[in-house]
PDB file of N, CA and C in Angstrom:
ATOM      1  N   UNK A   1     105.355 107.511  98.293  1.00  0.00           N
ATOM      2  CA  UNK A   1     105.914 107.575  99.625  1.00  0.00           C
ATOM      3  C   UNK A   1     105.246 106.533 100.513  1.00  0.00           C
ATOM      4  N   UNK A   2     106.026 105.963 101.376  1.00  0.00           N
ATOM      5  CA  UNK A   2     105.524 104.948 102.302  1.00  0.00           C
ATOM      6  C   UNK A   2     105.073 105.639 103.585  1.00  0.00           C
ATOM      7  N   UNK A   3     103.783 105.996 103.612  1.00  0.00           N
ATOM      8  CA  UNK A   3     103.244 106.652 104.802  1.00  0.00           C
ATOM      9  C   UNK A   3     101.757 106.350 104.927  1.00  0.00           C
ATOM     10  N   UNK A   4     101.223 106.487 106.133  1.00  0.00           N
ATOM     11  CA  UNK A   4      99.812 106.184 106.352  1.00  0.00           C
ATOM     12  C   UNK A   4      98.894 107.061 105.499  1.00  0.00           C
ATOM     13  N   UNK A   5      97.829 106.443 105.006  1.00  0.00           N
ATOM     14  CA  UNK A   5      96.791 107.170 104.292  1.00  0.00           C
ATOM     15  C   UNK A   5      96.879 107.158 102.785  1.00  0.00           C
ATOM     16  N   UNK A   6      98.028 106.788 102.229  1.00  0.00           N
ATOM     17  CA  UNK A   6      98.187 106.835 100.772  1.00  0.00           C
ATOM     18  C   UNK A   6      97.248 105.843 100.088  1.00  0.00           C
ATOM     19  N   UNK A   7      97.213 104.608 100.553  1.00  0.00           N
ATOM     20  CA  UNK A   7      96.333 103.603  99.946  1.00  0.00           C
ATOM     21  C   UNK A   7      94.875 104.040 100.070  1.00  0.00           C
ATOM     22  N   UNK A   8      94.502 104.578 101.213  1.00  0.00           N
ATOM     23  CA  UNK A   8      93.136 105.048 101.419  1.00  0.00           C
ATOM     24  C   UNK A   8      92.760 106.165 100.463  1.00  0.00           C
ATOM     25  N   UNK A   9      93.685 107.111 100.234  1.00  0.00           N
ATOM     26  CA  UNK A   9      93.416 108.213  99.309  1.00  0.00           C
ATOM     27  C   UNK A   9      93.236 107.705  97.885  1.00  0.00           C
ATOM     28  N   UNK A  10      94.074 106.752  97.481  1.00  0.00           N
ATOM     29  CA  UNK A  10      93.951 106.176  96.133  1.00  0.00           C
ATOM     30  C   UNK A  10      92.599 105.478  95.994  1.00  0.00           C
ATOM     31  N   UNK A  11      92.229 104.668  96.979  1.00  0.00           N
ATOM     32  CA  UNK A  11      90.949 103.967  96.940  1.00  0.00           C
ATOM     33  C   UNK A  11      89.767 104.911  96.926  1.00  0.00           C
ATOM     34  N   UNK A  12      89.827 105.966  97.724  1.00  0.00           N
ATOM     35  CA  UNK A  12      88.742 106.947  97.763  1.00  0.00           C
ATOM     36  C   UNK A  12      88.606 107.660  96.427  1.00  0.00           C
ATOM     37  N   UNK A  13      89.714 108.070  95.847  1.00  0.00           N
ATOM     38  CA  UNK A  13      89.689 108.752  94.553  1.00  0.00           C
ATOM     39  C   UNK A  13      89.086 107.857  93.477  1.00  0.00           C
ATOM     40  N   UNK A  14      89.525 106.607  93.424  1.00  0.00           N
ATOM     41  CA  UNK A  14      88.989 105.682  92.423  1.00  0.00           C
ATOM     42  C   UNK A  14      87.519 105.379  92.692  1.00  0.00           C
ATOM     43  N   UNK A  15      87.141 105.225  93.953  1.00  0.00           N
ATOM     44  CA  UNK A  15      85.747 104.965  94.297  1.00  0.00           C
ATOM     45  C   UNK A  15      84.837 106.102  93.892  1.00  0.00           C
ATOM     46  N   UNK A  16      85.266 107.340  94.112  1.00  0.00           N
ATOM     47  CA  UNK A  16      84.466 108.502  93.709  1.00  0.00           C
ATOM     48  C   UNK A  16      84.287 108.556  92.199  1.00  0.00           C
ATOM     49  N   UNK A  17      85.260 108.011  91.466  1.00  0.00           N
ATOM     50  CA  UNK A  17      85.185 107.978  90.001  1.00  0.00           C
ATOM     51  C   UNK A  17      84.394 106.774  89.501  1.00  0.00           C
ATOM     52  N   UNK A  18      83.923 105.926  90.432  1.00  0.00           N
ATOM     53  CA  UNK A  18      83.151 104.746  90.046  1.00  0.00           C
ATOM     54  C   UNK A  18      84.000 103.580  89.593  1.00  0.00           C
ATOM     55  N   UNK A  19      85.303 103.631  89.873  1.00  0.00           N
ATOM     56  CA  UNK A  19      86.210 102.561  89.455  1.00  0.00           C
ATOM     57  C   UNK A  19      86.330 101.518  90.560  1.00  0.00           C
ATOM     58  N   UNK A  20      86.272 100.252  90.180  1.00  0.00           N
ATOM     59  CA  UNK A  20      86.403  99.150  91.128  1.00  0.00           C
ATOM     60  C   UNK A  20      87.805  98.553  91.035  1.00  0.00           C
ATOM     61  N   UNK A  21      88.477  98.440  92.184  1.00  0.00           N
ATOM     62  CA  UNK A  21      89.805  97.830  92.228  1.00  0.00           C
ATOM     63  C   UNK A  21      89.632  96.317  92.283  1.00  0.00           C
ATOM     64  N   UNK A  22      90.126  95.623  91.254  1.00  0.00           N
ATOM     65  CA  UNK A  22      90.034  94.164  91.201  1.00  0.00           C
ATOM     66  C   UNK A  22      91.193  93.520  91.963  1.00  0.00           C
ATOM     67  N   UNK A  23      92.392  94.086  91.833  1.00  0.00           N
ATOM     68  CA  UNK A  23      93.585  93.575  92.520  1.00  0.00           C
ATOM     69  C   UNK A  23      94.471  94.743  92.911  1.00  0.00           C
ATOM     70  N   UNK A  24      95.182  94.577  94.027  1.00  0.00           N
ATOM     71  CA  UNK A  24      96.105  95.610  94.494  1.00  0.00           C
ATOM     72  C   UNK A  24      97.333  94.906  95.064  1.00  0.00           C
ATOM     73  N   UNK A  25      98.493  95.169  94.491  1.00  0.00           N
ATOM     74  CA  UNK A  25      99.751  94.608  94.995  1.00  0.00           C
ATOM     75  C   UNK A  25     100.591  95.755  95.543  1.00  0.00           C
ATOM     76  N   UNK A  26     101.204  95.537  96.701  1.00  0.00           N
ATOM     77  CA  UNK A  26     101.976  96.586  97.347  1.00  0.00           C
ATOM     78  C   UNK A  26     103.295  96.015  97.845  1.00  0.00           C
ATOM     79  N   UNK A  27     104.350  96.770  97.697  1.00  0.00           N
ATOM     80  CA  UNK A  27     105.647  96.353  98.212  1.00  0.00           C
ATOM     81  C   UNK A  27     106.453  97.562  98.638  1.00  0.00           C
ATOM     82  N   UNK A  28     107.503  97.323  99.415  1.00  0.00           N
ATOM     83  CA  UNK A  28     108.370  98.410  99.843  1.00  0.00           C
ATOM     84  C   UNK A  28     109.737  97.857 100.232  1.00  0.00           C
ATOM     85  N   UNK A  29     110.714  98.736 100.216  1.00  0.00           N
ATOM     86  CA  UNK A  29     112.047  98.397 100.709  1.00  0.00           C
ATOM     87  C   UNK A  29     112.177  99.073 102.066  1.00  0.00           C
ATOM     88  N   UNK A  30     112.324  98.271 103.105  1.00  0.00           N
ATOM     89  CA  UNK A  30     112.392  98.814 104.460  1.00  0.00           C
ATOM     90  C   UNK A  30     113.464  99.886 104.577  1.00  0.00           C
ATOM     91  N   UNK A  31     113.099 100.960 105.231  1.00  0.00           N
ATOM     92  CA  UNK A  31     114.037 102.039 105.471  1.00  0.00           C
ATOM     93  C   UNK A  31     114.200 103.025 104.338  1.00  0.00           C
ATOM     94  N   UNK A  32     113.600 102.753 103.180  1.00  0.00           N
ATOM     95  CA  UNK A  32     113.765 103.641 102.029  1.00  0.00           C
ATOM     96  C   UNK A  32     112.783 104.806 102.045  1.00  0.00           C
ATOM     97  N   UNK A  33     111.663 104.631 102.737  1.00  0.00           N
ATOM     98  CA  UNK A  33     110.625 105.658 102.724  1.00  0.00           C
ATOM     99  C   UNK A  33     109.765 105.625 101.481  1.00  0.00           C
ATOM    100  N   UNK A  34     109.992 104.621 100.629  1.00  0.00           N
ATOM    101  CA  UNK A  34     109.242 104.509  99.379  1.00  0.00           C
ATOM    102  C   UNK A  34     108.474 103.197  99.327  1.00  0.00           C
ATOM    103  N   UNK A  35     107.375 103.215  98.586  1.00  0.00           N
ATOM    104  CA  UNK A  35     106.575 102.013  98.366  1.00  0.00           C
ATOM    105  C   UNK A  35     106.177 101.975  96.900  1.00  0.00           C
ATOM    106  N   UNK A  36     105.836 100.791  96.423  1.00  0.00           N
ATOM    107  CA  UNK A  36     105.366 100.631  95.052  1.00  0.00           C
ATOM    108  C   UNK A  36     104.051  99.867  95.092  1.00  0.00           C
ATOM    109  N   UNK A  37     103.119 100.285  94.259  1.00  0.00           N
ATOM    110  CA  UNK A  37     101.832  99.607  94.192  1.00  0.00           C
ATOM    111  C   UNK A  37     101.408  99.421  92.750  1.00  0.00           C
ATOM    112  N   UNK A  38     100.711  98.342  92.487  1.00  0.00           N
ATOM    113  CA  UNK A  38     100.148  98.074  91.163  1.00  0.00           C
ATOM    114  C   UNK A  38      98.687  97.722  91.356  1.00  0.00           C
ATOM    115  N   UNK A  39      97.817  98.404  90.623  1.00  0.00           N
ATOM    116  CA  UNK A  39      96.378  98.192  90.743  1.00  0.00           C
ATOM    117  C   UNK A  39      95.811  97.685  89.439  1.00  0.00           C
ATOM    118  N   UNK A  40      94.897  96.740  89.535  1.00  0.00           N
ATOM    119  CA  UNK A  40      94.114  96.295  88.388  1.00  0.00           C
ATOM    120  C   UNK A  40      92.709  96.834  88.601  1.00  0.00           C
ATOM    121  N   UNK A  41      92.236  97.621  87.636  1.00  0.00           N
ATOM    122  CA  UNK A  41      90.919  98.252  87.712  1.00  0.00           C
ATOM    123  C   UNK A  41      90.001  97.547  86.723  1.00  0.00           C
ATOM    124  N   UNK A  42      88.745  97.311  87.129  1.00  0.00           N
ATOM    125  CA  UNK A  42      87.802  96.602  86.259  1.00  0.00           C
ATOM    126  C   UNK A  42      87.496  97.363  84.971  1.00  0.00           C
ATOM    127  N   UNK A  43      87.341  98.669  85.052  1.00  0.00           N
ATOM    128  CA  UNK A  43      86.988  99.474  83.881  1.00  0.00           C
ATOM    129  C   UNK A  43      88.074 100.511  83.620  1.00  0.00           C
ATOM    130  N   UNK A  44      88.016 101.105  82.437  1.00  0.00           N
ATOM    131  CA  UNK A  44      88.981 102.135  82.067  1.00  0.00           C
ATOM    132  C   UNK A  44      88.793 103.370  82.955  1.00  0.00           C
ATOM    133  N   UNK A  45      89.887 104.042  83.273  1.00  0.00           N
ATOM    134  CA  UNK A  45      89.822 105.304  83.998  1.00  0.00           C
ATOM    135  C   UNK A  45      90.448 106.387  83.124  1.00  0.00           C
ATOM    136  N   UNK A  46      90.080 107.615  83.369  1.00  0.00           N
ATOM    137  CA  UNK A  46      90.590 108.716  82.550  1.00  0.00           C
ATOM    138  C   UNK A  46      92.006 109.097  82.970  1.00  0.00           C
ATOM    139  N   UNK A  47      92.697 109.710  82.047  1.00  0.00           N
ATOM    140  CA  UNK A  47      94.022 110.227  82.355  1.00  0.00           C
ATOM    141  C   UNK A  47      93.968 111.301  83.430  1.00  0.00           C
ATOM    142  N   UNK A  48      92.828 112.006  83.512  1.00  0.00           N
ATOM    143  CA  UNK A  48      92.658 113.047  84.528  1.00  0.00           C
ATOM    144  C   UNK A  48      92.701 112.452  85.933  1.00  0.00           C
ATOM    145  N   UNK A  49      92.159 111.243  86.096  1.00  0.00           N
ATOM    146  CA  UNK A  49      92.193 110.589  87.404  1.00  0.00           C
ATOM    147  C   UNK A  49      93.637 110.259  87.774  1.00  0.00           C
ATOM    148  N   UNK A  50      94.401 109.791  86.816  1.00  0.00           N
ATOM    149  CA  UNK A  50      95.812 109.479  87.062  1.00  0.00           C
ATOM    150  C   UNK A  50      96.562 110.755  87.464  1.00  0.00           C
ATOM    151  N   UNK A  51      96.301 111.855  86.776  1.00  0.00           N
ATOM    152  CA  UNK A  51      96.951 113.125  87.108  1.00  0.00           C
ATOM    153  C   UNK A  51      96.550 113.599  88.501  1.00  0.00           C
ATOM    154  N   UNK A  52      95.279 113.422  88.855  1.00  0.00           N
ATOM    155  CA  UNK A  52      94.809 113.800  90.188  1.00  0.00           C
ATOM    156  C   UNK A  52      95.514 112.970  91.249  1.00  0.00           C
ATOM    157  N   UNK A  53      95.717 111.681  90.972  1.00  0.00           N
ATOM    158  CA  UNK A  53      96.452 110.833  91.916  1.00  0.00           C
ATOM    159  C   UNK A  53      97.853 111.384  92.150  1.00  0.00           C
ATOM    160  N   UNK A  54      98.533 111.763  91.088  1.00  0.00           N
ATOM    161  CA  UNK A  54      99.892 112.292  91.225  1.00  0.00           C
ATOM    162  C   UNK A  54      99.906 113.561  92.074  1.00  0.00           C
ATOM    163  N   UNK A  55      98.935 114.439  91.837  1.00  0.00           N
ATOM    164  CA  UNK A  55      98.918 115.737  92.511  1.00  0.00           C
ATOM    165  C   UNK A  55      98.350 115.658  93.926  1.00  0.00           C
ATOM    166  N   UNK A  56      97.157 115.079  94.060  1.00  0.00           N
ATOM    167  CA  UNK A  56      96.447 115.102  95.342  1.00  0.00           C
ATOM    168  C   UNK A  56      96.937 114.049  96.328  1.00  0.00           C
ATOM    169  N   UNK A  57      97.420 112.924  95.821  1.00  0.00           N
ATOM    170  CA  UNK A  57      97.874 111.850  96.702  1.00  0.00           C
ATOM    171  C   UNK A  57      99.389 111.937  96.894  1.00  0.00           C
ATOM    172  N   UNK A  58     100.044 112.805  96.123  1.00  0.00           N
ATOM    173  CA  UNK A  58     101.489 113.002  96.212  1.00  0.00           C
ATOM    174  C   UNK A  58     102.257 111.743  95.832  1.00  0.00           C
ATOM    175  N   UNK A  59     101.845 111.131  94.708  1.00  0.00           N
ATOM    176  CA  UNK A  59     102.573 109.979  94.183  1.00  0.00           C
ATOM    177  C   UNK A  59     103.771 110.471  93.378  1.00  0.00           C
ATOM    178  N   UNK A  60     104.866 109.758  93.452  1.00  0.00           N
ATOM    179  CA  UNK A  60     106.043 110.119  92.669  1.00  0.00           C
ATOM    180  C   UNK A  60     105.860 109.772  91.197  1.00  0.00           C
ATOM    181  N   UNK A  61     105.101 108.707  90.936  1.00  0.00           N
ATOM    182  CA  UNK A  61     104.891 108.254  89.561  1.00  0.00           C
ATOM    183  C   UNK A  61     103.579 107.496  89.504  1.00  0.00           C
ATOM    184  N   UNK A  62     102.806 107.733  88.478  1.00  0.00           N
ATOM    185  CA  UNK A  62     101.570 106.983  88.234  1.00  0.00           C
ATOM    186  C   UNK A  62     101.379 106.895  86.730  1.00  0.00           C
ATOM    187  N   UNK A  63     100.988 105.743  86.263  1.00  0.00           N
ATOM    188  CA  UNK A  63     100.814 105.512  84.828  1.00  0.00           C
ATOM    189  C   UNK A  63      99.653 104.564  84.613  1.00  0.00           C
ATOM    190  N   UNK A  64      98.855 104.855  83.598  1.00  0.00           N
ATOM    191  CA  UNK A  64      97.768 103.961  83.212  1.00  0.00           C
ATOM    192  C   UNK A  64      98.282 103.063  82.090  1.00  0.00           C
ATOM    193  N   UNK A  65      98.161 101.755  82.280  1.00  0.00           N
ATOM    194  CA  UNK A  65      98.622 100.788  81.283  1.00  0.00           C
ATOM    195  C   UNK A  65      97.460  99.877  80.927  1.00  0.00           C
ATOM    196  N   UNK A  66      97.188  99.746  79.643  1.00  0.00           N
ATOM    197  CA  UNK A  66      96.145  98.840  79.178  1.00  0.00           C
ATOM    198  C   UNK A  66      96.842  97.623  78.577  1.00  0.00           C
ATOM    199  N   UNK A  67      96.878  96.532  79.335  1.00  0.00           N
ATOM    200  CA  UNK A  67      97.591  95.342  78.875  1.00  0.00           C
ATOM    201  C   UNK A  67      96.914  94.682  77.681  1.00  0.00           C
ATOM    202  N   UNK A  68      95.605  94.839  77.550  1.00  0.00           N
ATOM    203  CA  UNK A  68      94.904  94.267  76.399  1.00  0.00           C
ATOM    204  C   UNK A  68      95.405  94.911  75.108  1.00  0.00           C
ATOM    205  N   UNK A  69      95.690  96.212  75.152  1.00  0.00           N
ATOM    206  CA  UNK A  69      96.207  96.910  73.976  1.00  0.00           C
ATOM    207  C   UNK A  69      97.696  96.657  73.778  1.00  0.00           C
ATOM    208  N   UNK A  70      98.387  96.291  74.838  1.00  0.00           N
ATOM    209  CA  UNK A  70      99.834  96.089  74.763  1.00  0.00           C
ATOM    210  C   UNK A  70     100.206  94.761  74.113  1.00  0.00           C
ATOM    211  N   UNK A  71      99.272  93.822  74.101  1.00  0.00           N
ATOM    212  CA  UNK A  71      99.588  92.495  73.560  1.00  0.00           C
ATOM    213  C   UNK A  71      99.448  92.437  72.074  1.00  0.00           C
TER     214      UNK A  71
END
């Protein structure tokens, strides 16, 4: 959802887990009420953190992707 505080909640959650955000890309379609973000994290994060993001931050979708393994 495109609303104040979402980026801050994601950053706080990752920071508490000791994860460093290397890159963050954000976009939205005006008037839709939705936003999309892509984060590059320096180290691996647990699936539990991703689930917490979905529940506590109220994300519609969150997925952990390891591009090194995808290639």
